[in-house]
N, C-alpha and C. Protein backbone atom coordinates (compact mmCIF):
# COMPACT_ATOMS: atom_id res chain seq x y z
N MET A 1 1.18 -1.23 -0.37
CA MET A 1 0.36 0.58 0.22
C MET A 1 1.26 1.27 0.37
N GLN A 2 2.53 0.93 1.02
CA GLN A 2 2.74 2.21 0.54
C GLN A 2 3.95 2.81 -0.74
N GLU A 3 4.04 1.97 -1.07
CA GLU A 3 4.60 1.30 -2.18
C GLU A 3 3.21 2.78 -3.37
N GLU A 4 2.69 2.00 -3.78
CA GLU A 4 1.41 2.41 -4.31
C GLU A 4 0.89 4.02 -4.22
N VAL A 5 1.15 4.49 -2.80
CA VAL A 5 0.90 5.81 -2.26
C VAL A 5 1.78 6.57 -2.78
N LEU A 6 2.78 6.30 -2.29
CA LEU A 6 4.22 7.34 -2.85
C LEU A 6 4.26 7.09 -4.22
N THR A 7 3.62 6.33 -5.31
CA THR A 7 3.62 6.43 -6.28
C THR A 7 2.77 7.51 -7.71
N LEU A 8 1.23 7.08 -6.85
CA LEU A 8 0.44 7.86 -7.07
C LEU A 8 0.59 8.91 -6.58
N ALA A 9 1.22 9.84 -5.37
CA ALA A 9 1.82 11.22 -5.21
C ALA A 9 2.52 11.76 -5.78
N SER A 10 3.53 10.73 -6.31
CA SER A 10 5.12 10.84 -7.46
C SER A 10 3.74 11.61 -8.83
N ASP A 11 3.03 10.61 -8.81
CA ASP A 11 2.04 11.16 -10.40
C ASP A 11 1.10 12.07 -10.15
N PHE A 12 1.22 12.68 -9.14
CA PHE A 12 0.08 13.13 -9.41
C PHE A 12 0.79 14.53 -8.93
N ASP A 13 1.51 15.05 -8.07
CA ASP A 13 2.51 16.22 -7.86
C ASP A 13 1.61 16.66 -6.69
N VAL A 14 1.18 15.23 -5.22
CA VAL A 14 0.62 15.81 -4.52
C VAL A 14 0.88 16.48 -2.85
N ILE A 15 0.58 17.11 -3.12
CA ILE A 15 1.06 18.40 -1.53
C ILE A 15 0.94 17.36 -0.32
N GLU A 16 -0.19 16.94 0.14
CA GLU A 16 -0.52 16.25 1.67
C GLU A 16 -0.97 14.44 0.95
N ILE A 17 -1.68 14.33 2.04
CA ILE A 17 -1.79 12.56 1.78
C ILE A 17 -3.45 13.07 3.20
N PRO A 18 -3.84 13.11 3.02
CA PRO A 18 -4.85 13.39 4.50
C PRO A 18 -5.37 11.60 4.76
N TYR A 19 -5.56 11.39 5.97
CA TYR A 19 -6.00 9.95 6.35
C TYR A 19 -7.08 9.99 7.11
N ASP A 20 -7.57 8.82 8.17
CA ASP A 20 -8.30 8.79 9.12
C ASP A 20 -7.34 7.78 9.99
N GLU A 21 -7.15 8.67 11.39
CA GLU A 21 -5.89 7.88 11.90
C GLU A 21 -6.10 6.74 12.69
N TRP A 22 -7.93 6.54 12.36
CA TRP A 22 -8.51 4.53 12.73
C TRP A 22 -7.48 3.58 11.29
N ARG A 23 -6.57 2.85 11.69
CA ARG A 23 -5.97 2.11 10.92
C ARG A 23 -5.29 2.38 9.83
N ALA A 24 -4.72 3.91 10.17
CA ALA A 24 -4.19 4.36 9.30
C ALA A 24 -2.66 5.36 9.75
N THR A 25 -2.66 4.85 11.33
CA THR A 25 -1.20 5.76 11.41
C THR A 25 0.13 5.53 11.19
N GLN A 26 -0.05 3.38 11.28
CA GLN A 26 1.06 3.11 10.89
C GLN A 26 1.50 3.41 8.94
N LEU A 27 0.97 3.23 8.39
CA LEU A 27 0.73 4.09 6.94
C LEU A 27 1.26 5.00 6.81
N ALA A 28 0.70 5.78 7.78
CA ALA A 28 1.36 7.94 7.42
C ALA A 28 2.39 7.76 7.98
N GLN A 29 2.52 7.51 9.40
CA GLN A 29 4.17 7.11 9.70
C GLN A 29 4.91 6.86 9.26
N GLN A 30 4.38 6.14 7.92
CA GLN A 30 5.86 5.28 6.32
C GLN A 30 5.58 6.00 5.98
N LEU A 31 4.51 6.10 5.26
CA LEU A 31 4.75 7.48 4.48
C LEU A 31 5.59 8.98 4.90
N ALA A 32 5.59 9.31 6.32
CA ALA A 32 6.31 10.23 6.17
C ALA A 32 7.54 10.21 6.42
N ALA A 33 7.89 8.91 6.64
CA ALA A 33 9.33 8.63 6.42
C ALA A 33 9.43 8.59 5.39
N GLN A 34 9.06 8.00 4.89
CA GLN A 34 9.26 8.69 3.06
C GLN A 34 9.09 9.77 2.57
N GLY A 35 8.93 10.81 3.01
CA GLY A 35 9.00 11.74 2.49
C GLY A 35 7.68 12.83 2.27
N ALA A 36 6.60 12.05 2.64
CA ALA A 36 5.68 12.32 2.15
C ALA A 36 4.51 13.42 3.12
N ASN A 37 3.78 13.80 3.37
CA ASN A 37 3.27 14.20 3.90
C ASN A 37 1.49 14.11 5.07
N PRO A 38 1.48 13.36 5.22
CA PRO A 38 0.00 12.94 5.51
C PRO A 38 -0.38 13.58 6.43
N ILE A 39 -1.25 13.97 6.42
CA ILE A 39 -2.44 15.02 7.59
C ILE A 39 -3.64 13.97 7.56
N GLN A 40 -4.10 13.89 8.93
CA GLN A 40 -4.94 12.85 9.81
C GLN A 40 -5.99 13.99 9.82
N TYR A 41 -7.23 13.27 9.32
CA TYR A 41 -8.84 14.31 8.91
C TYR A 41 -9.40 13.41 9.72
N PRO A 42 -9.82 14.68 11.04
CA PRO A 42 -11.44 14.02 11.72
C PRO A 42 -12.52 13.55 10.76
N HIS A 43 -12.56 12.54 11.40
CA HIS A 43 -14.40 12.43 11.50
C HIS A 43 -15.40 12.23 11.29
N THR A 44 -15.74 13.97 11.37
CA THR A 44 -16.25 14.56 12.46
C THR A 44 -17.59 15.74 11.52
N VAL A 45 -18.39 16.20 12.42
CA VAL A 45 -19.06 16.67 11.54
C VAL A 45 -19.10 17.80 11.04
N LYS A 46 -17.74 19.00 12.09
CA LYS A 46 -17.26 20.04 11.38
C LYS A 46 -15.83 19.47 10.52
N ALA A 47 -15.82 18.18 10.74
CA ALA A 47 -14.52 18.46 8.80
C ALA A 47 -15.59 17.95 8.34
N LEU A 48 -16.41 17.85 8.04
CA LEU A 48 -16.80 16.36 6.99
C LEU A 48 -17.71 17.78 6.01
N SER A 49 -19.06 18.12 6.79
CA SER A 49 -19.42 18.99 6.53
C SER A 49 -19.61 19.63 5.40
N PRO A 50 -18.29 21.40 5.34
CA PRO A 50 -18.23 21.74 4.19
C PRO A 50 -17.67 20.54 2.94
N PRO A 51 -16.83 19.65 2.92
CA PRO A 51 -16.76 19.51 1.98
C PRO A 51 -17.97 18.87 1.26
N MET A 52 -18.79 18.03 2.06
CA MET A 52 -20.79 17.75 1.93
C MET A 52 -21.35 18.76 1.30
N LYS A 53 -21.38 19.58 1.61
CA LYS A 53 -21.84 20.50 1.05
C LYS A 53 -21.81 21.83 0.01
N GLU A 54 -20.23 20.98 -0.66
CA GLU A 54 -19.27 22.16 -1.71
C GLU A 54 -19.44 20.61 -2.89
N LEU A 55 -19.13 19.38 -3.06
CA LEU A 55 -19.78 18.09 -3.03
C LEU A 55 -21.07 18.24 -4.36
N GLU A 56 -22.35 18.40 -2.74
CA GLU A 56 -23.48 18.32 -3.09
C GLU A 56 -23.97 19.53 -4.11
N ALA A 57 -22.80 20.93 -4.60
CA ALA A 57 -23.21 21.86 -4.78
C ALA A 57 -22.75 21.72 -6.14
N ALA A 58 -21.09 21.10 -5.91
CA ALA A 58 -20.48 20.89 -7.80
C ALA A 58 -21.25 19.82 -7.89
N ILE A 59 -22.73 18.90 -7.78
CA ILE A 59 -22.97 16.86 -8.74
C ILE A 59 -24.58 18.44 -8.89
N LYS A 60 -24.28 19.64 -7.83
CA LYS A 60 -26.26 20.26 -8.85
C LYS A 60 -25.78 21.04 -9.86
N ALA A 61 -24.95 21.11 -9.83
CA ALA A 61 -24.47 22.33 -10.80
C ALA A 61 -23.44 21.36 -12.16
N LYS A 62 -23.26 20.52 -12.14
CA LYS A 62 -22.82 19.72 -12.77
C LYS A 62 -20.86 19.77 -13.08
N ARG A 63 -20.62 20.02 -11.93
CA ARG A 63 -19.28 19.93 -12.02
C ARG A 63 -18.62 18.75 -11.55
N PHE A 64 -19.15 17.80 -11.24
CA PHE A 64 -18.96 17.14 -10.94
C PHE A 64 -18.58 15.26 -11.84
N HIS A 65 -17.84 15.48 -11.95
CA HIS A 65 -17.63 13.93 -13.06
C HIS A 65 -17.12 13.04 -12.97
N HIS A 66 -16.84 11.72 -13.32
CA HIS A 66 -16.43 10.27 -12.50
C HIS A 66 -16.03 9.28 -13.70
N ASP A 67 -15.85 9.27 -13.61
CA ASP A 67 -14.81 7.82 -15.05
C ASP A 67 -16.07 6.37 -14.80
N GLY A 68 -17.39 6.33 -13.91
CA GLY A 68 -18.26 5.18 -13.43
C GLY A 68 -17.68 4.48 -12.89
N ASN A 69 -16.42 4.15 -12.46
CA ASN A 69 -16.66 2.79 -11.49
C ASN A 69 -17.16 2.43 -10.86
N PRO A 70 -17.56 1.11 -11.33
CA PRO A 70 -18.81 0.88 -10.27
C PRO A 70 -18.94 0.18 -9.50
N VAL A 71 -17.94 0.30 -8.50
CA VAL A 71 -17.47 0.11 -7.20
C VAL A 71 -17.85 2.14 -6.05
N PHE A 72 -17.13 2.85 -7.28
CA PHE A 72 -17.33 4.68 -6.87
C PHE A 72 -19.05 4.53 -6.66
N LYS A 73 -19.83 4.04 -7.85
CA LYS A 73 -21.49 4.38 -7.75
C LYS A 73 -22.02 3.92 -6.88
N TRP A 74 -21.29 2.68 -7.07
CA TRP A 74 -21.98 2.20 -5.84
C TRP A 74 -21.47 2.82 -4.29
N MET A 75 -20.68 2.85 -3.44
CA MET A 75 -19.91 3.44 -2.41
C MET A 75 -20.56 4.92 -2.80
N ALA A 76 -21.27 5.64 -3.88
CA ALA A 76 -21.78 7.00 -3.81
C ALA A 76 -23.74 6.56 -3.55
N SER A 77 -23.74 5.64 -3.82
CA SER A 77 -25.51 4.85 -3.58
C SER A 77 -25.70 4.36 -2.72
N ASN A 78 -24.80 4.06 -1.75
CA ASN A 78 -25.15 3.67 -0.12
C ASN A 78 -25.02 4.88 0.82
N VAL A 79 -23.75 6.00 -0.14
CA VAL A 79 -23.80 7.49 1.19
C VAL A 79 -25.42 7.72 1.52
N VAL A 80 -25.82 8.26 2.23
CA VAL A 80 -27.45 8.80 3.61
C VAL A 80 -26.05 9.83 3.93
N ALA A 81 -26.90 11.34 3.62
CA ALA A 81 -26.45 12.51 4.14
C ALA A 81 -27.30 12.52 5.03
N LYS A 82 -26.47 13.29 6.47
CA LYS A 82 -27.03 13.03 7.48
C LYS A 82 -27.55 14.81 7.83
N ALA A 83 -28.76 14.83 8.55
CA ALA A 83 -28.44 16.97 8.21
C ALA A 83 -28.84 17.06 9.88
N ASP A 84 -28.07 17.66 10.92
CA ASP A 84 -28.26 18.39 12.16
C ASP A 84 -28.94 19.91 12.25
N ASN A 85 -29.06 19.70 13.60
CA ASN A 85 -30.07 21.66 13.57
C ASN A 85 -29.48 22.75 12.84
N ASN A 86 -28.36 22.38 12.68
CA ASN A 86 -27.43 23.73 12.40
C ASN A 86 -27.71 23.37 10.91
N ASN A 87 -27.71 22.24 10.05
CA ASN A 87 -27.64 22.63 8.78
C ASN A 87 -26.37 22.10 7.80
N ASN A 88 -25.65 21.23 9.26
CA ASN A 88 -24.30 20.84 9.29
C ASN A 88 -24.67 19.25 7.98
N LEU A 89 -23.62 18.53 7.86
CA LEU A 89 -23.82 17.58 6.60
C LEU A 89 -23.43 16.49 7.49
N PHE A 90 -23.33 15.45 7.26
CA PHE A 90 -22.49 14.25 7.44
C PHE A 90 -22.66 13.07 6.86
N PRO A 91 -21.77 12.88 6.63
CA PRO A 91 -21.57 10.69 5.09
C PRO A 91 -22.37 10.30 5.72
N ASN A 92 -23.07 8.94 6.11
CA ASN A 92 -23.45 8.17 6.70
C ASN A 92 -23.89 7.18 5.38
N LYS A 93 -24.06 5.82 6.44
CA LYS A 93 -24.76 4.26 6.30
C LYS A 93 -26.00 3.96 6.15
N GLU A 94 -27.07 2.80 5.85
CA GLU A 94 -27.88 2.79 6.80
C GLU A 94 -27.57 1.12 6.99
N LYS A 95 -26.64 0.65 6.55
CA LYS A 95 -26.38 -0.77 6.90
C LYS A 95 -24.56 -0.70 7.00
N PRO A 96 -24.04 -2.29 8.13
CA PRO A 96 -22.74 -1.58 8.05
C PRO A 96 -22.03 -1.96 6.37
N GLU A 97 -22.47 -3.14 5.71
CA GLU A 97 -21.97 -3.83 4.21
C GLU A 97 -22.05 -2.86 2.87
N MET A 98 -22.67 -1.58 4.02
CA MET A 98 -22.84 -0.58 2.42
C MET A 98 -21.70 0.91 2.91
N LYS A 99 -20.43 0.13 2.11
CA LYS A 99 -19.45 0.66 2.31
C LYS A 99 -19.84 2.04 1.74
N ILE A 100 -19.02 3.04 2.27
CA ILE A 100 -18.73 4.48 1.88
C ILE A 100 -17.42 5.23 1.93
N ASP A 101 -16.17 4.08 2.40
CA ASP A 101 -15.50 4.65 2.28
C ASP A 101 -14.99 5.71 0.84
N GLY A 102 -15.03 5.20 0.15
CA GLY A 102 -14.55 6.20 -1.38
C GLY A 102 -14.63 7.23 -1.16
N ILE A 103 -16.09 7.18 -1.03
CA ILE A 103 -16.78 8.60 -0.64
C ILE A 103 -16.81 9.27 0.20
N VAL A 104 -16.16 8.84 1.43
CA VAL A 104 -15.37 9.24 3.17
C VAL A 104 -13.97 10.32 2.35
N ALA A 105 -13.28 9.45 1.41
CA ALA A 105 -11.66 10.08 0.80
C ALA A 105 -11.80 10.85 -0.12
N LEU A 106 -13.35 10.60 -0.90
CA LEU A 106 -13.33 11.99 -1.56
C LEU A 106 -14.27 13.18 -1.21
N LEU A 107 -14.03 13.31 -0.05
CA LEU A 107 -14.67 13.95 1.35
C LEU A 107 -13.27 15.00 1.85
N MET A 108 -12.26 13.41 1.86
CA MET A 108 -11.00 14.35 2.67
C MET A 108 -10.21 14.86 2.06
N GLY A 109 -10.30 14.44 0.62
CA GLY A 109 -9.52 15.08 -0.02
C GLY A 109 -10.06 16.57 -0.16
N ILE A 110 -11.21 16.65 -0.06
CA ILE A 110 -12.00 18.09 -0.91
C ILE A 110 -11.99 19.29 0.00
N GLY A 111 -12.31 18.56 0.81
CA GLY A 111 -12.11 19.31 2.89
C GLY A 111 -10.46 19.99 3.02
N ARG A 112 -9.53 19.59 2.78
CA ARG A 112 -7.93 20.15 2.62
C ARG A 112 -8.34 20.46 0.89
N ALA A 113 -8.39 20.23 0.30
CA ALA A 113 -7.79 21.46 -0.48
C ALA A 113 -9.08 22.82 -0.55
N ILE A 114 -10.31 23.09 0.43
CA ILE A 114 -10.40 23.87 0.60
C ILE A 114 -9.62 24.12 2.19
N VAL A 115 -8.94 23.75 2.66
CA VAL A 115 -8.06 24.90 3.68
C VAL A 115 -7.04 24.67 3.26
N LEU A 116 -6.56 24.52 2.26
CA LEU A 116 -5.30 24.47 1.24
C LEU A 116 -5.59 25.90 0.52
N ASN A 117 -6.51 26.16 0.27
CA ASN A 117 -7.23 27.32 -0.83
C ASN A 117 -7.18 28.29 0.07
N GLU A 118 -7.70 28.49 0.70
CA GLU A 118 -8.17 29.30 1.97
C GLU A 118 -6.64 29.74 3.25
N ASP A 119 -5.90 28.85 3.08
CA ASP A 119 -4.14 29.09 3.90
C ASP A 119 -3.49 30.36 2.99
N THR A 120 -3.10 31.41 3.62
CA THR A 120 -2.13 32.19 2.82
C THR A 120 -1.16 31.71 2.47
N THR A 121 -0.51 30.48 2.86
CA THR A 121 0.74 30.33 2.84
C THR A 121 1.24 29.69 1.25
N VAL A 122 0.16 29.18 1.21
CA VAL A 122 0.37 27.72 0.49
C VAL A 122 -0.40 29.11 -1.00
N ASN A 123 0.79 28.30 -2.65
CA ASN A 123 0.22 28.24 -3.66
C ASN A 123 -1.20 28.27 -4.25
N LYS A 124 -2.42 28.93 -3.97
CA LYS A 124 -3.55 28.36 -4.29
C LYS A 124 -4.41 27.84 -5.75
N ALA A 125 -3.75 26.74 -5.78
CA ALA A 125 -4.10 26.22 -7.29
C ALA A 125 -5.60 26.08 -7.80
N TYR A 126 -6.30 26.81 -6.85
CA TYR A 126 -8.27 27.00 -7.45
C TYR A 126 -8.53 27.95 -6.98
N GLU A 127 -7.34 29.45 -6.77
CA GLU A 127 -8.09 30.64 -6.58
C GLU A 127 -8.47 30.81 -7.91
N ASN A 128 -8.56 30.96 -8.91
CA ASN A 128 -9.22 31.36 -10.47
C ASN A 128 -10.03 30.95 -10.77
N HIS A 129 -10.61 29.54 -10.05
CA HIS A 129 -11.59 28.75 -11.09
C HIS A 129 -12.39 27.52 -9.95
N GLY A 130 -12.27 27.87 -8.67
CA GLY A 130 -13.19 27.09 -7.17
C GLY A 130 -11.92 25.56 -7.79
N ILE A 131 -12.61 24.80 -6.83
CA ILE A 131 -11.77 23.28 -6.68
C ILE A 131 -13.03 22.97 -8.19
N ARG A 132 -11.73 21.57 -8.85
CA ARG A 132 -12.17 21.36 -10.00
C ARG A 132 -12.25 19.66 -9.59
N PHE A 133 -14.02 19.43 -10.23
CA PHE A 133 -13.07 18.12 -9.75
C PHE A 133 -13.60 16.98 -11.70
N LEU A 134 -12.43 15.68 -11.52
CA LEU A 134 -12.24 15.08 -12.67
C LEU A 134 -12.64 14.42 -12.93
């Protein structure tokens, strides 16, 4: 897994790699030792609501496209957006066998892109055109 992540990171000029500390801490430490920049991403309403809203807006505006991967489509169909009293959104699933890991990974990437775009010390990749989905 470590080699695959490092290869993809170099192929796509990855700035950082968000990860969920649950079952990924060792991999994050290995990646950091190889010069990657793993960033712990909490699975909380506060952290996941902004990217959920950005993804929803991108879908509605037809700015979100994917390659038709059947596993991605299946995971997307398993996501249930839970809203709290403050209109925050959180990804959930109705049954344990309904996996949503790929969507959560997408949300983590969107969340970090939002943060990086707001950080004045980072080259703003999305400054002129917003977050782009491929």
